Amino acid sequence: MLDKFWVSKQTPDTTYEFIAISEAKQFDDTEYGVDDWANYIPLERQESSWDLYYVLLIDRDCNTGISYRMGLGKVFRDAFENSCKPGGKEWREFILG
């Protein structure tokens, strides 16, 4: 769940920034319903393990350089890899506030 006030300030042109913080084993039933598997990857749900990352959605304050965690979630590794800017992923130091 995201903060409603923060979400209300976003526009259709907003670019979101995610940080992969660790590998994740799988979605559980509360995160991904039993019948909702969409085959994003070419595996059946029970065959899929360690195909995810835990990610932070961050919002960076350009004035201070401090990044704020706006959400925590899991995403498929392939989705994370395919969503990077044309220049690719980048390593960056940041401060979470």
Protein backbone atom coordinates (compact mmCIF):
# COMPACT_ATOMS: atom_id res chain seq x y z
CA MET A 1 0.00 0.00 0.00
CA LEU A 2 1.21 3.46 -0.86
CA ASP A 3 0.56 6.73 0.93
CA LYS A 4 -2.56 8.24 -0.68
CA PHE A 5 -1.22 11.80 -0.39
CA TRP A 6 2.01 10.84 -2.17
CA VAL A 7 0.11 8.96 -4.87
CA SER A 8 -2.20 11.95 -5.47
CA LYS A 9 0.86 14.12 -6.33
CA GLN A 10 2.01 11.76 -9.12
CA THR A 11 1.31 12.49 -12.80
CA PRO A 12 1.09 10.19 -15.84
CA ASP A 13 4.63 11.34 -16.75
CA THR A 14 6.11 10.41 -13.37
CA THR A 15 9.13 8.13 -13.56
CA TYR A 16 9.39 5.75 -10.64
CA GLU A 17 12.64 4.59 -9.15
CA PHE A 18 13.03 1.14 -7.64
CA ILE A 19 15.97 -0.31 -5.78
CA ALA A 20 16.52 -4.08 -5.75
CA ILE A 21 17.55 -4.89 -2.19
CA SER A 22 17.69 -8.70 -2.20
CA GLU A 23 16.48 -11.83 -3.90
CA ALA A 24 13.04 -13.16 -3.00
CA LYS A 25 11.93 -16.77 -3.22
CA GLN A 26 8.30 -16.53 -4.35
CA PHE A 27 4.96 -14.78 -3.99
CA ASP A 28 2.77 -16.26 -1.29
CA ASP A 29 -1.00 -16.69 -1.61
CA THR A 30 -1.74 -13.36 0.11
CA GLU A 31 0.42 -11.49 -2.42
CA TYR A 32 -0.64 -13.38 -5.51
CA GLY A 33 -3.96 -15.18 -5.49
CA VAL A 34 -4.07 -18.92 -6.06
CA ASP A 35 -5.69 -18.59 -9.50
CA ASP A 36 -3.97 -15.37 -10.63
CA TRP A 37 -0.67 -16.73 -12.00
CA ALA A 38 -0.10 -14.90 -15.30
CA ASN A 39 2.96 -16.80 -16.56
CA TYR A 40 5.10 -13.68 -16.75
CA ILE A 41 7.98 -16.11 -16.85
CA PRO A 42 7.85 -19.43 -18.74
CA LEU A 43 7.28 -21.51 -15.61
CA GLU A 44 4.29 -22.73 -13.69
CA ARG A 45 3.82 -21.09 -10.32
CA GLN A 46 4.96 -24.13 -8.32
CA GLU A 47 8.15 -24.31 -10.44
CA SER A 48 9.08 -20.68 -9.80
CA SER A 49 11.46 -19.96 -6.96
CA TRP A 50 14.09 -17.26 -6.58
CA ASP A 51 12.73 -15.51 -9.68
CA LEU A 52 11.95 -12.32 -7.71
CA TYR A 53 13.62 -9.33 -6.11
CA TYR A 54 12.50 -7.45 -3.03
CA VAL A 55 12.39 -3.82 -4.13
CA LEU A 56 11.97 -0.40 -2.56
CA LEU A 57 10.03 2.29 -4.38
CA ILE A 58 11.86 5.49 -3.53
CA ASP A 59 11.21 9.18 -3.95
CA ARG A 60 14.35 11.30 -4.09
CA ASP A 61 14.37 14.87 -2.78
CA CYS A 62 16.50 16.71 -5.37
CA ASN A 63 17.25 19.54 -2.92
CA THR A 64 18.74 17.36 -0.18
CA GLY A 65 19.75 14.22 -2.07
CA ILE A 66 17.84 12.13 0.46
CA SER A 67 15.69 9.25 -0.83
CA TYR A 68 12.52 8.25 0.99
CA ARG A 69 11.02 4.78 0.94
CA MET A 70 7.52 5.00 -0.48
CA GLY A 71 6.81 1.28 -0.75
CA LEU A 72 8.23 -2.21 -0.44
CA GLY A 73 7.34 -5.06 -2.74
CA LYS A 74 8.41 -7.99 -4.86
CA VAL A 75 8.86 -7.95 -8.62
CA PHE A 76 9.94 -10.55 -11.13
CA ARG A 77 13.65 -10.31 -11.93
CA ASP A 78 12.80 -10.23 -15.65
CA ALA A 79 10.40 -7.31 -15.14
CA PHE A 80 13.03 -5.43 -13.16
CA GLU A 81 15.71 -6.10 -15.81
CA ASN A 82 13.42 -5.14 -18.71
CA SER A 83 12.21 -1.91 -17.12
CA CYS A 84 15.56 -0.17 -16.83
CA LYS A 85 16.26 2.97 -18.80
CA PRO A 86 17.91 2.56 -22.22
CA GLY A 87 21.27 3.24 -20.56
CA GLY A 88 20.68 0.29 -18.25
CA LYS A 89 20.92 -0.14 -14.53
CA GLU A 90 23.25 2.04 -12.56
CA TRP A 91 24.97 1.77 -9.22
CA ARG A 92 24.38 4.76 -6.99
CA GLU A 93 25.05 5.70 -3.41
CA PHE A 94 22.06 7.11 -1.60
CA ILE A 95 20.83 8.09 1.83
CA LEU A 96 17.46 6.84 3.03
CA GLY A 97 15.70 9.31 5.32
